[in-house]
């Protein structure tokens, strides 16, 4: 997977998270980020990797996102591996 494809998928994932108040609240609580942080970091590949980490860390959201995006959930892990900060064991 190319980096631009991974970034696009991460932006789609962030949109998915933001569409639900509970999902967004959980993301912000676990990440420690506020709305201003999101706006300033949205183009940061490391941040986008963190968005994918968030989905990968909670299977119900991962599966729901994959279903909505009509992709295999494994694609999220492949996209994550492309972005900075990925665990090299993936």
PDB file of N, CA and C in Angstrom:
ATOM      1  N   UNK A   1       0.841  -1.185   0.000  1.00  0.00           N
ATOM      2  CA  UNK A   1       0.000   0.000   0.000  1.00  0.00           C
ATOM      3  C   UNK A   1       0.882   1.243   0.000  1.00  0.00           C
ATOM      4  N   UNK A   2       0.515   2.206  -0.802  1.00  0.00           N
ATOM      5  CA  UNK A   2       1.254   3.468  -0.882  1.00  0.00           C
ATOM      6  C   UNK A   2       0.878   4.366   0.295  1.00  0.00           C
ATOM      7  N   UNK A   3       1.808   5.235   0.658  1.00  0.00           N
ATOM      8  CA  UNK A   3       1.576   6.120   1.805  1.00  0.00           C
ATOM      9  C   UNK A   3       0.349   7.018   1.605  1.00  0.00           C
ATOM     10  N   UNK A   4       0.164   7.549   0.419  1.00  0.00           N
ATOM     11  CA  UNK A   4      -0.997   8.418   0.202  1.00  0.00           C
ATOM     12  C   UNK A   4      -2.304   7.641   0.345  1.00  0.00           C
ATOM     13  N   UNK A   5      -2.315   6.383  -0.045  1.00  0.00           N
ATOM     14  CA  UNK A   5      -3.501   5.549   0.138  1.00  0.00           C
ATOM     15  C   UNK A   5      -3.772   5.305   1.620  1.00  0.00           C
ATOM     16  N   UNK A   6      -2.697   5.073   2.379  1.00  0.00           N
ATOM     17  CA  UNK A   6      -2.832   4.858   3.820  1.00  0.00           C
ATOM     18  C   UNK A   6      -3.352   6.119   4.511  1.00  0.00           C
ATOM     19  N   UNK A   7      -2.846   7.271   4.088  1.00  0.00           N
ATOM     20  CA  UNK A   7      -3.312   8.527   4.676  1.00  0.00           C
ATOM     21  C   UNK A   7      -4.788   8.760   4.348  1.00  0.00           C
ATOM     22  N   UNK A   8      -5.184   8.463   3.133  1.00  0.00           N
ATOM     23  CA  UNK A   8      -6.583   8.618   2.738  1.00  0.00           C
ATOM     24  C   UNK A   8      -7.481   7.704   3.562  1.00  0.00           C
ATOM     25  N   UNK A   9      -7.047   6.473   3.769  1.00  0.00           N
ATOM     26  CA  UNK A   9      -7.827   5.540   4.577  1.00  0.00           C
ATOM     27  C   UNK A   9      -7.930   6.044   6.013  1.00  0.00           C
ATOM     28  N   UNK A  10      -6.845   6.581   6.547  1.00  0.00           N
ATOM     29  CA  UNK A  10      -6.868   7.107   7.912  1.00  0.00           C
ATOM     30  C   UNK A  10      -7.818   8.295   8.029  1.00  0.00           C
ATOM     31  N   UNK A  11      -7.863   9.127   7.012  1.00  0.00           N
ATOM     32  CA  UNK A  11      -8.814  10.253   7.022  1.00  0.00           C
ATOM     33  C   UNK A  11     -10.255   9.744   6.958  1.00  0.00           C
ATOM     34  N   UNK A  12     -10.476   8.714   6.186  1.00  0.00           N
ATOM     35  CA  UNK A  12     -11.814   8.095   6.159  1.00  0.00           C
ATOM     36  C   UNK A  12     -12.165   7.520   7.524  1.00  0.00           C
ATOM     37  N   UNK A  13     -11.175   6.923   8.175  1.00  0.00           N
ATOM     38  CA  UNK A  13     -11.397   6.364   9.510  1.00  0.00           C
ATOM     39  C   UNK A  13     -11.719   7.471  10.515  1.00  0.00           C
ATOM     40  N   UNK A  14     -11.009   8.584  10.423  1.00  0.00           N
ATOM     41  CA  UNK A  14     -11.283   9.705  11.322  1.00  0.00           C
ATOM     42  C   UNK A  14     -12.692  10.247  11.090  1.00  0.00           C
ATOM     43  N   UNK A  15     -13.095  10.325   9.849  1.00  0.00           N
ATOM     44  CA  UNK A  15     -14.458  10.757   9.530  1.00  0.00           C
ATOM     45  C   UNK A  15     -15.472   9.799  10.136  1.00  0.00           C
ATOM     46  N   UNK A  16     -15.194   8.502  10.011  1.00  0.00           N
ATOM     47  CA  UNK A  16     -16.072   7.492  10.604  1.00  0.00           C
ATOM     48  C   UNK A  16     -16.170   7.687  12.117  1.00  0.00           C
ATOM     49  N   UNK A  17     -15.050   7.881  12.759  1.00  0.00           N
ATOM     50  CA  UNK A  17     -15.028   8.080  14.214  1.00  0.00           C
ATOM     51  C   UNK A  17     -15.827   9.328  14.585  1.00  0.00           C
ATOM     52  N   UNK A  18     -15.622  10.399  13.841  1.00  0.00           N
ATOM     53  CA  UNK A  18     -16.250  11.680  14.162  1.00  0.00           C
ATOM     54  C   UNK A  18     -17.764  11.670  13.931  1.00  0.00           C
ATOM     55  N   UNK A  19     -18.281  10.729  13.169  1.00  0.00           N
ATOM     56  CA  UNK A  19     -19.711  10.679  12.880  1.00  0.00           C
ATOM     57  C   UNK A  19     -20.549  10.230  14.075  1.00  0.00           C
ATOM     58  N   UNK A  20     -19.915   9.707  15.091  1.00  0.00           N
ATOM     59  CA  UNK A  20     -20.634   9.211  16.254  1.00  0.00           C
ATOM     60  C   UNK A  20     -20.051   9.859  17.513  1.00  0.00           C
ATOM     61  N   UNK A  21     -20.907  10.484  18.294  1.00  0.00           N
ATOM     62  CA  UNK A  21     -20.451  11.216  19.475  1.00  0.00           C
ATOM     63  C   UNK A  21     -19.708  10.317  20.464  1.00  0.00           C
ATOM     64  N   UNK A  22     -20.202   9.109  20.684  1.00  0.00           N
ATOM     65  CA  UNK A  22     -19.534   8.198  21.613  1.00  0.00           C
ATOM     66  C   UNK A  22     -18.162   7.767  21.100  1.00  0.00           C
ATOM     67  N   UNK A  23     -18.095   7.431  19.807  1.00  0.00           N
ATOM     68  CA  UNK A  23     -16.799   7.036  19.232  1.00  0.00           C
ATOM     69  C   UNK A  23     -15.802   8.190  19.317  1.00  0.00           C
ATOM     70  N   UNK A  24     -16.276   9.396  18.982  1.00  0.00           N
ATOM     71  CA  UNK A  24     -15.384  10.552  19.003  1.00  0.00           C
ATOM     72  C   UNK A  24     -14.948  10.867  20.430  1.00  0.00           C
ATOM     73  N   UNK A  25     -15.863  10.768  21.360  1.00  0.00           N
ATOM     74  CA  UNK A  25     -15.513  11.008  22.758  1.00  0.00           C
ATOM     75  C   UNK A  25     -14.472  10.014  23.248  1.00  0.00           C
ATOM     76  N   UNK A  26     -14.633   8.765  22.868  1.00  0.00           N
ATOM     77  CA  UNK A  26     -13.660   7.733  23.259  1.00  0.00           C
ATOM     78  C   UNK A  26     -12.293   8.019  22.640  1.00  0.00           C
ATOM     79  N   UNK A  27     -12.298   8.381  21.368  1.00  0.00           N
ATOM     80  CA  UNK A  27     -11.041   8.689  20.683  1.00  0.00           C
ATOM     81  C   UNK A  27     -10.327   9.859  21.366  1.00  0.00           C
ATOM     82  N   UNK A  28     -11.055  10.909  21.639  1.00  0.00           N
ATOM     83  CA  UNK A  28     -10.439  12.081  22.245  1.00  0.00           C
ATOM     84  C   UNK A  28      -9.965  11.790  23.666  1.00  0.00           C
ATOM     85  N   UNK A  29     -10.740  11.020  24.411  1.00  0.00           N
ATOM     86  CA  UNK A  29     -10.340  10.678  25.776  1.00  0.00           C
ATOM     87  C   UNK A  29      -9.077   9.825  25.792  1.00  0.00           C
ATOM     88  N   UNK A  30      -9.027   8.824  24.917  1.00  0.00           N
ATOM     89  CA  UNK A  30      -7.867   7.940  24.894  1.00  0.00           C
ATOM     90  C   UNK A  30      -6.628   8.604  24.299  1.00  0.00           C
ATOM     91  N   UNK A  31      -6.841   9.504  23.358  1.00  0.00           N
ATOM     92  CA  UNK A  31      -5.693  10.158  22.721  1.00  0.00           C
ATOM     93  C   UNK A  31      -5.216  11.376  23.506  1.00  0.00           C
ATOM     94  N   UNK A  32      -6.097  11.928  24.339  1.00  0.00           N
ATOM     95  CA  UNK A  32      -5.745  13.134  25.076  1.00  0.00           C
ATOM     96  C   UNK A  32      -5.782  14.394  24.223  1.00  0.00           C
ATOM     97  N   UNK A  33      -6.350  14.286  23.041  1.00  0.00           N
ATOM     98  CA  UNK A  33      -6.405  15.420  22.124  1.00  0.00           C
ATOM     99  C   UNK A  33      -7.720  16.165  22.253  1.00  0.00           C
ATOM    100  N   UNK A  34      -7.664  17.447  21.961  1.00  0.00           N
ATOM    101  CA  UNK A  34      -8.865  18.265  21.915  1.00  0.00           C
ATOM    102  C   UNK A  34      -9.179  18.649  20.484  1.00  0.00           C
ATOM    103  N   UNK A  35     -10.304  19.332  20.273  1.00  0.00           N
ATOM    104  CA  UNK A  35     -10.690  19.730  18.919  1.00  0.00           C
ATOM    105  C   UNK A  35      -9.620  20.547  18.194  1.00  0.00           C
ATOM    106  N   UNK A  36      -8.969  21.459  18.892  1.00  0.00           N
ATOM    107  CA  UNK A  36      -7.926  22.257  18.239  1.00  0.00           C
ATOM    108  C   UNK A  36      -6.753  21.389  17.811  1.00  0.00           C
ATOM    109  N   UNK A  37      -6.422  20.387  18.640  1.00  0.00           N
ATOM    110  CA  UNK A  37      -5.333  19.470  18.290  1.00  0.00           C
ATOM    111  C   UNK A  37      -5.661  18.714  17.005  1.00  0.00           C
ATOM    112  N   UNK A  38      -6.905  18.293  16.897  1.00  0.00           N
ATOM    113  CA  UNK A  38      -7.316  17.552  15.694  1.00  0.00           C
ATOM    114  C   UNK A  38      -7.155  18.402  14.447  1.00  0.00           C
ATOM    115  N   UNK A  39      -7.578  19.646  14.540  1.00  0.00           N
ATOM    116  CA  UNK A  39      -7.477  20.523  13.375  1.00  0.00           C
ATOM    117  C   UNK A  39      -6.024  20.767  12.962  1.00  0.00           C
ATOM    118  N   UNK A  40      -5.138  20.910  13.926  1.00  0.00           N
ATOM    119  CA  UNK A  40      -3.748  21.221  13.580  1.00  0.00           C
ATOM    120  C   UNK A  40      -2.953  19.982  13.165  1.00  0.00           C
ATOM    121  N   UNK A  41      -3.390  18.802  13.570  1.00  0.00           N
ATOM    122  CA  UNK A  41      -2.608  17.594  13.294  1.00  0.00           C
ATOM    123  C   UNK A  41      -3.186  16.715  12.192  1.00  0.00           C
ATOM    124  N   UNK A  42      -4.284  17.123  11.611  1.00  0.00           N
ATOM    125  CA  UNK A  42      -4.986  16.267  10.652  1.00  0.00           C
ATOM    126  C   UNK A  42      -4.141  15.871   9.442  1.00  0.00           C
ATOM    127  N   UNK A  43      -3.155  16.665   9.106  1.00  0.00           N
ATOM    128  CA  UNK A  43      -2.308  16.317   7.956  1.00  0.00           C
ATOM    129  C   UNK A  43      -0.992  15.657   8.376  1.00  0.00           C
ATOM    130  N   UNK A  44      -0.819  15.401   9.659  1.00  0.00           N
ATOM    131  CA  UNK A  44       0.396  14.774  10.178  1.00  0.00           C
ATOM    132  C   UNK A  44       0.298  13.256  10.006  1.00  0.00           C
ATOM    133  N   UNK A  45       1.182  12.651   9.221  1.00  0.00           N
ATOM    134  CA  UNK A  45       1.121  11.204   9.001  1.00  0.00           C
ATOM    135  C   UNK A  45       1.219  10.395  10.304  1.00  0.00           C
ATOM    136  N   UNK A  46       1.969  10.889  11.274  1.00  0.00           N
ATOM    137  CA  UNK A  46       2.054  10.199  12.560  1.00  0.00           C
ATOM    138  C   UNK A  46       0.720  10.188  13.283  1.00  0.00           C
ATOM    139  N   UNK A  47       0.019  11.303  13.244  1.00  0.00           N
ATOM    140  CA  UNK A  47      -1.311  11.392  13.830  1.00  0.00           C
ATOM    141  C   UNK A  47      -2.263  10.440  13.119  1.00  0.00           C
ATOM    142  N   UNK A  48      -2.202  10.430  11.804  1.00  0.00           N
ATOM    143  CA  UNK A  48      -3.075   9.544  11.035  1.00  0.00           C
ATOM    144  C   UNK A  48      -2.803   8.080  11.369  1.00  0.00           C
ATOM    145  N   UNK A  49      -1.550   7.754  11.612  1.00  0.00           N
ATOM    146  CA  UNK A  49      -1.226   6.407  12.072  1.00  0.00           C
ATOM    147  C   UNK A  49      -1.882   6.111  13.413  1.00  0.00           C
ATOM    148  N   UNK A  50      -1.912   7.120  14.281  1.00  0.00           N
ATOM    149  CA  UNK A  50      -2.572   6.965  15.576  1.00  0.00           C
ATOM    150  C   UNK A  50      -4.064   6.730  15.443  1.00  0.00           C
ATOM    151  N   UNK A  51      -4.673   7.344  14.448  1.00  0.00           N
ATOM    152  CA  UNK A  51      -6.096   7.113  14.183  1.00  0.00           C
ATOM    153  C   UNK A  51      -6.307   5.635  13.851  1.00  0.00           C
ATOM    154  N   UNK A  52      -5.443   5.099  13.007  1.00  0.00           N
ATOM    155  CA  UNK A  52      -5.567   3.679  12.652  1.00  0.00           C
ATOM    156  C   UNK A  52      -5.255   2.791  13.844  1.00  0.00           C
ATOM    157  N   UNK A  53      -4.282   3.181  14.662  1.00  0.00           N
ATOM    158  CA  UNK A  53      -4.003   2.432  15.896  1.00  0.00           C
ATOM    159  C   UNK A  53      -5.255   2.351  16.760  1.00  0.00           C
ATOM    160  N   UNK A  54      -5.949   3.476  16.845  1.00  0.00           N
ATOM    161  CA  UNK A  54      -7.163   3.524  17.650  1.00  0.00           C
ATOM    162  C   UNK A  54      -8.177   2.497  17.148  1.00  0.00           C
ATOM    163  N   UNK A  55      -8.409   2.452  15.853  1.00  0.00           N
ATOM    164  CA  UNK A  55      -9.345   1.471  15.303  1.00  0.00           C
ATOM    165  C   UNK A  55      -8.850   0.043  15.521  1.00  0.00           C
ATOM    166  N   UNK A  56      -7.575  -0.165  15.311  1.00  0.00           N
ATOM    167  CA  UNK A  56      -7.027  -1.513  15.475  1.00  0.00           C
ATOM    168  C   UNK A  56      -7.082  -1.983  16.925  1.00  0.00           C
ATOM    169  N   UNK A  57      -7.145  -1.035  17.850  1.00  0.00           N
ATOM    170  CA  UNK A  57      -7.184  -1.373  19.271  1.00  0.00           C
ATOM    171  C   UNK A  57      -8.571  -1.665  19.811  1.00  0.00           C
ATOM    172  N   UNK A  58      -9.589  -1.515  18.983  1.00  0.00           N
ATOM    173  CA  UNK A  58     -10.963  -1.760  19.433  1.00  0.00           C
ATOM    174  C   UNK A  58     -11.726  -2.436  18.306  1.00  0.00           C
ATOM    175  N   UNK A  59     -11.761  -3.753  18.370  1.00  0.00           N
ATOM    176  CA  UNK A  59     -12.289  -4.557  17.275  1.00  0.00           C
ATOM    177  C   UNK A  59     -13.712  -4.199  16.837  1.00  0.00           C
ATOM    178  N   UNK A  60     -14.637  -3.902  17.758  1.00  0.00           N
ATOM    179  CA  UNK A  60     -15.983  -3.549  17.276  1.00  0.00           C
ATOM    180  C   UNK A  60     -15.976  -2.356  16.316  1.00  0.00           C
ATOM    181  N   UNK A  61     -15.203  -1.321  16.623  1.00  0.00           N
ATOM    182  CA  UNK A  61     -15.124  -0.172  15.721  1.00  0.00           C
ATOM    183  C   UNK A  61     -14.383  -0.526  14.434  1.00  0.00           C
ATOM    184  N   UNK A  62     -13.341  -1.325  14.545  1.00  0.00           N
ATOM    185  CA  UNK A  62     -12.594  -1.743  13.358  1.00  0.00           C
ATOM    186  C   UNK A  62     -13.515  -2.476  12.383  1.00  0.00           C
ATOM    187  N   UNK A  63     -14.274  -3.425  12.903  1.00  0.00           N
ATOM    188  CA  UNK A  63     -15.143  -4.215  12.040  1.00  0.00           C
ATOM    189  C   UNK A  63     -16.272  -3.366  11.459  1.00  0.00           C
ATOM    190  N   UNK A  64     -16.813  -2.467  12.270  1.00  0.00           N
ATOM    191  CA  UNK A  64     -17.885  -1.599  11.763  1.00  0.00           C
ATOM    192  C   UNK A  64     -17.358  -0.652  10.693  1.00  0.00           C
ATOM    193  N   UNK A  65     -16.164  -0.097  10.906  1.00  0.00           N
ATOM    194  CA  UNK A  65     -15.569   0.773   9.893  1.00  0.00           C
ATOM    195  C   UNK A  65     -15.303  -0.004   8.609  1.00  0.00           C
ATOM    196  N   UNK A  66     -14.716  -1.176   8.740  1.00  0.00           N
ATOM    197  CA  UNK A  66     -14.409  -1.978   7.553  1.00  0.00           C
ATOM    198  C   UNK A  66     -15.675  -2.322   6.782  1.00  0.00           C
ATOM    199  N   UNK A  67     -16.733  -2.630   7.499  1.00  0.00           N
ATOM    200  CA  UNK A  67     -17.995  -2.936   6.820  1.00  0.00           C
ATOM    201  C   UNK A  67     -18.525  -1.700   6.094  1.00  0.00           C
ATOM    202  N   UNK A  68     -18.509  -0.557   6.779  1.00  0.00           N
ATOM    203  CA  UNK A  68     -19.003   0.674   6.154  1.00  0.00           C
ATOM    204  C   UNK A  68     -18.156   1.068   4.940  1.00  0.00           C
ATOM    205  N   UNK A  69     -16.838   0.889   5.057  1.00  0.00           N
ATOM    206  CA  UNK A  69     -15.924   1.250   3.965  1.00  0.00           C
ATOM    207  C   UNK A  69     -15.847   0.161   2.893  1.00  0.00           C
ATOM    208  N   UNK A  70     -16.479  -0.975   3.161  1.00  0.00           N
ATOM    209  CA  UNK A  70     -16.473  -2.112   2.249  1.00  0.00           C
ATOM    210  C   UNK A  70     -15.055  -2.586   1.932  1.00  0.00           C
ATOM    211  N   UNK A  71     -14.289  -2.769   3.020  1.00  0.00           N
ATOM    212  CA  UNK A  71     -12.919  -3.266   2.901  1.00  0.00           C
ATOM    213  C   UNK A  71     -12.707  -4.397   3.896  1.00  0.00           C
ATOM    214  N   UNK A  72     -11.685  -5.172   3.657  1.00  0.00           N
ATOM    215  CA  UNK A  72     -11.269  -6.197   4.607  1.00  0.00           C
ATOM    216  C   UNK A  72     -10.597  -5.482   5.782  1.00  0.00           C
ATOM    217  N   UNK A  73     -10.898  -5.843   7.028  1.00  0.00           N
ATOM    218  CA  UNK A  73     -10.253  -5.189   8.171  1.00  0.00           C
ATOM    219  C   UNK A  73      -8.723  -5.266   8.133  1.00  0.00           C
ATOM    220  N   UNK A  74      -8.182  -6.272   7.487  1.00  0.00           N
ATOM    221  CA  UNK A  74      -6.726  -6.400   7.383  1.00  0.00           C
ATOM    222  C   UNK A  74      -6.107  -5.238   6.617  1.00  0.00           C
ATOM    223  N   UNK A  75      -6.873  -4.603   5.766  1.00  0.00           N
ATOM    224  CA  UNK A  75      -6.357  -3.455   5.023  1.00  0.00           C
ATOM    225  C   UNK A  75      -5.999  -2.318   5.968  1.00  0.00           C
ATOM    226  N   UNK A  76      -6.740  -2.182   7.055  1.00  0.00           N
ATOM    227  CA  UNK A  76      -6.431  -1.139   8.044  1.00  0.00           C
ATOM    228  C   UNK A  76      -5.051  -1.399   8.645  1.00  0.00           C
ATOM    229  N   UNK A  77      -4.761  -2.644   8.952  1.00  0.00           N
ATOM    230  CA  UNK A  77      -3.440  -2.980   9.498  1.00  0.00           C
ATOM    231  C   UNK A  77      -2.339  -2.737   8.466  1.00  0.00           C
ATOM    232  N   UNK A  78      -2.603  -3.049   7.222  1.00  0.00           N
ATOM    233  CA  UNK A  78      -1.597  -2.788   6.179  1.00  0.00           C
ATOM    234  C   UNK A  78      -1.370  -1.291   6.013  1.00  0.00           C
ATOM    235  N   UNK A  79      -2.442  -0.521   6.075  1.00  0.00           N
ATOM    236  CA  UNK A  79      -2.300   0.933   5.982  1.00  0.00           C
ATOM    237  C   UNK A  79      -1.498   1.454   7.168  1.00  0.00           C
ATOM    238  N   UNK A  80      -1.768   0.917   8.347  1.00  0.00           N
ATOM    239  CA  UNK A  80      -1.048   1.370   9.539  1.00  0.00           C
ATOM    240  C   UNK A  80       0.438   1.111   9.407  1.00  0.00           C
ATOM    241  N   UNK A  81       0.789  -0.016   8.857  1.00  0.00           N
ATOM    242  CA  UNK A  81       2.202  -0.378   8.707  1.00  0.00           C
ATOM    243  C   UNK A  81       2.937   0.578   7.774  1.00  0.00           C
ATOM    244  N   UNK A  82       2.207   1.273   6.925  1.00  0.00           N
ATOM    245  CA  UNK A  82       2.790   2.197   5.955  1.00  0.00           C
ATOM    246  C   UNK A  82       3.127   3.554   6.572  1.00  0.00           C
ATOM    247  N   UNK A  83       2.443   3.915   7.640  1.00  0.00           N
ATOM    248  CA  UNK A  83       2.594   5.249   8.229  1.00  0.00           C
ATOM    249  C   UNK A  83       3.635   5.260   9.348  1.00  0.00           C
ATOM    250  N   UNK A  84       4.191   6.437   9.650  1.00  0.00           N
ATOM    251  CA  UNK A  84       5.221   6.547  10.691  1.00  0.00           C
ATOM    252  C   UNK A  84       4.724   6.047  12.055  1.00  0.00           C
ATOM    253  N   UNK A  85       5.653   5.459  12.796  1.00  0.00           N
ATOM    254  CA  UNK A  85       5.356   5.022  14.152  1.00  0.00           C
ATOM    255  C   UNK A  85       4.763   3.626  14.250  1.00  0.00           C
ATOM    256  N   UNK A  86       4.687   2.933  13.136  1.00  0.00           N
ATOM    257  CA  UNK A  86       4.094   1.593  13.145  1.00  0.00           C
ATOM    258  C   UNK A  86       5.009   0.622  13.870  1.00  0.00           C
ATOM    259  N   UNK A  87       4.399  -0.343  14.507  1.00  0.00           N
ATOM    260  CA  UNK A  87       5.132  -1.415  15.163  1.00  0.00           C
ATOM    261  C   UNK A  87       5.766  -2.276  14.074  1.00  0.00           C
ATOM    262  N   UNK A  88       7.087  -2.437  14.077  1.00  0.00           N
ATOM    263  CA  UNK A  88       7.737  -3.204  13.000  1.00  0.00           C
ATOM    264  C   UNK A  88       7.369  -4.688  12.977  1.00  0.00           C
ATOM    265  N   UNK A  89       6.747  -5.186  14.060  1.00  0.00           N
ATOM    266  CA  UNK A  89       6.346  -6.599  14.102  1.00  0.00           C
ATOM    267  C   UNK A  89       5.055  -6.866  13.346  1.00  0.00           C
ATOM    268  N   UNK A  90       4.381  -5.818  12.838  1.00  0.00           N
ATOM    269  CA  UNK A  90       3.141  -6.022  12.100  1.00  0.00           C
ATOM    270  C   UNK A  90       3.489  -6.525  10.765  1.00  0.00           C
TER     271      UNK A  90
END
